C-alpha atoms as a PDB file:
ATOM      1  CA  MET A   1       4.272  74.703  81.179  1.00  0.00           C
ATOM      2  CA  LYS A   2       4.309  72.286  78.252  1.00  0.00           C
ATOM      3  CA  PRO A   3       6.436  69.128  78.249  1.00  0.00           C
ATOM      4  CA  LEU A   4       9.916  69.216  76.747  1.00  0.00           C
ATOM      5  CA  GLN A   5      10.147  68.544  73.031  1.00  0.00           C
ATOM      6  CA  ILE A   6      12.354  65.450  73.282  1.00  0.00           C
ATOM      7  CA  SER A   7      11.825  61.911  72.071  1.00  0.00           C
ATOM      8  CA  ALA A   8      10.816  59.062  74.350  1.00  0.00           C
ATOM      9  CA  ASP A   9      14.208  57.428  73.811  1.00  0.00           C
ATOM     10  CA  THR A  10      16.013  60.598  74.847  1.00  0.00           C
ATOM     11  CA  ALA A  11      13.807  60.954  77.931  1.00  0.00           C
ATOM     12  CA  LYS A  12      14.513  57.338  78.883  1.00  0.00           C
ATOM     13  CA  MET A  13      18.271  57.824  78.472  1.00  0.00           C
ATOM     14  CA  LEU A  14      18.216  61.016  80.568  1.00  0.00           C
ATOM     15  CA  ALA A  15      16.084  59.360  83.254  1.00  0.00           C
ATOM     16  CA  GLU A  16      18.594  56.527  83.585  1.00  0.00           C
ATOM     17  CA  LYS A  17      21.600  58.849  83.608  1.00  0.00           C
ATOM     18  CA  LEU A  18      20.098  61.331  86.094  1.00  0.00           C
ATOM     19  CA  LYS A  19      18.348  58.623  88.145  1.00  0.00           C
ATOM     20  CA  LEU A  20      14.990  60.413  87.913  1.00  0.00           C
ATOM     21  CA  PRO A  21      11.544  59.229  86.753  1.00  0.00           C
ATOM     22  CA  ILE A  22      10.747  59.847  83.076  1.00  0.00           C
ATOM     23  CA  GLU A  23       7.673  61.885  84.054  1.00  0.00           C
ATOM     24  CA  GLN A  24       9.845  64.244  86.063  1.00  0.00           C
ATOM     25  CA  ILE A  25      12.272  64.623  83.146  1.00  0.00           C
ATOM     26  CA  MET A  26       9.460  65.448  80.706  1.00  0.00           C
ATOM     27  CA  HIS A  27       7.944  68.148  82.920  1.00  0.00           C
ATOM     28  CA  MET A  28      11.179  69.670  84.180  1.00  0.00           C
ATOM     29  CA  PRO A  29      11.980  73.203  82.993  1.00  0.00           C
ATOM     30  CA  GLN A  30      14.649  73.125  80.308  1.00  0.00           C
ATOM     31  CA  HIS A  31      17.178  75.246  82.212  1.00  0.00           C
ATOM     32  CA  ILE A  32      16.980  72.954  85.258  1.00  0.00           C
ATOM     33  CA  LEU A  33      17.378  69.866  83.089  1.00  0.00           C
ATOM     34  CA  ILE A  34      20.475  71.344  81.458  1.00  0.00           C
ATOM     35  CA  GLN A  35      21.895  72.187  84.899  1.00  0.00           C
ATOM     36  CA  LYS A  36      21.328  68.614  86.133  1.00  0.00           C
ATOM     37  CA  MET A  37      22.939  67.212  82.976  1.00  0.00           C
ATOM     38  CA  MET A  38      26.002  69.403  83.539  1.00  0.00           C
ATOM     39  CA  GLU A  39      26.231  68.282  87.180  1.00  0.00           C
ATOM     40  CA  ALA A  40      26.033  64.619  86.128  1.00  0.00           C
ATOM     41  CA  GLU A  41      28.728  65.185  83.493  1.00  0.00           C
ATOM     42  CA  ASN A  42      30.996  66.853  86.067  1.00  0.00           C
ATOM     43  CA  LYS A  43      30.584  63.880  88.405  1.00  0.00           C
ATOM     44  CA  THR A  44      31.613  61.434  85.698  1.00  0.00           C
ATOM     45  CA  THR A  45      34.656  63.473  84.682  1.00  0.00           C
ATOM     46  CA  GLU A  46      35.842  63.752  88.301  1.00  0.00           C
ATOM     47  CA  GLU A  47      35.787  59.962  88.784  1.00  0.00           C
END
């Protein structure tokens, strides 16, 4: 599987928001990354 086609800045922002290492973000399947982003967004809207 090839790395996601996102910029380094975007990967850094996602890593901070999801509290995951940048390497894990870059090699995560796109559908799982989207799911984790949705979960993080739901947590922030509930608070």
